[in-house]
Amino acid sequence: MKTYVILFVLLLITHTMTLVNITMFDGQWNGMVLFFSSILFLIGAVFFGTEFKARRKMNT
């Protein structure tokens, strides 16, 4: 799977969690949503970093 597809999916999940929290739960789960959004961001950043490093190593 391409890197941009995985990053786009993580972004879609993050925004969907925020939308559901605001519309269905009136923002009562802000702490949990922020925690999971941060975890998803870290997963995306690590994934992008490993892909970037692998592509750089492959080109040299």
Protein backbone atom coordinates (compact mmCIF):
# COMPACT_ATOMS: atom_id res chain seq x y z
CA MET A 1 0.00 0.00 0.00
CA LYS A 2 1.27 3.47 -0.83
CA THR A 3 2.44 5.78 1.92
CA TYR A 4 0.02 8.54 1.02
CA VAL A 5 -2.94 6.16 1.21
CA ILE A 6 -2.05 5.11 4.75
CA LEU A 7 -1.51 8.71 5.83
CA PHE A 8 -4.82 9.74 4.24
CA VAL A 9 -6.64 6.91 6.05
CA LEU A 10 -5.13 7.97 9.39
CA LEU A 11 -6.21 11.56 8.71
CA LEU A 12 -9.72 10.39 7.81
CA ILE A 13 -9.99 8.36 11.03
CA THR A 14 -8.82 11.33 13.10
CA HIS A 15 -11.34 13.71 11.58
CA THR A 16 -14.15 11.16 11.83
CA MET A 17 -13.42 10.66 15.53
CA THR A 18 -13.55 14.41 16.09
CA LEU A 19 -16.78 14.78 14.09
CA VAL A 20 -18.50 11.93 15.95
CA ASN A 21 -17.36 13.31 19.30
CA ILE A 22 -18.75 16.75 18.58
CA THR A 23 -22.01 15.73 16.91
CA MET A 24 -23.04 12.66 18.89
CA PHE A 25 -21.40 13.15 22.28
CA ASP A 26 -21.41 16.98 22.48
CA GLY A 27 -17.65 16.99 23.09
CA GLN A 28 -17.79 14.90 26.27
CA TRP A 29 -14.94 12.65 25.09
CA ASN A 30 -12.47 15.41 24.15
CA GLY A 31 -9.65 13.91 26.22
CA MET A 32 -9.99 10.45 24.71
CA VAL A 33 -10.29 11.80 21.17
CA LEU A 34 -7.21 13.97 21.66
CA PHE A 35 -5.30 10.98 23.04
CA PHE A 36 -6.23 8.72 20.11
CA SER A 37 -5.58 11.51 17.60
CA SER A 38 -2.11 11.99 19.07
CA ILE A 39 -1.42 8.25 18.89
CA LEU A 40 -2.57 8.15 15.25
CA PHE A 41 -0.34 11.14 14.47
CA LEU A 42 2.65 9.40 16.02
CA ILE A 43 1.92 6.22 14.06
CA GLY A 44 1.72 8.24 10.84
CA ALA A 45 4.92 10.15 11.61
CA VAL A 46 6.85 6.95 12.38
CA PHE A 47 5.50 5.25 9.27
CA PHE A 48 6.40 8.24 7.09
CA GLY A 49 9.86 8.42 8.65
CA THR A 50 10.61 4.76 8.01
CA GLU A 51 9.35 4.99 4.42
CA PHE A 52 11.38 8.15 3.82
CA LYS A 53 14.52 6.56 5.22
CA ALA A 54 13.99 3.38 3.16
CA ARG A 55 13.51 5.34 -0.06
CA ARG A 56 16.57 7.49 0.64
CA LYS A 57 18.66 4.37 1.30
CA MET A 58 17.34 2.70 -1.88
CA ASN A 59 18.25 5.71 -4.06
CA THR A 60 21.86 5.87 -2.90
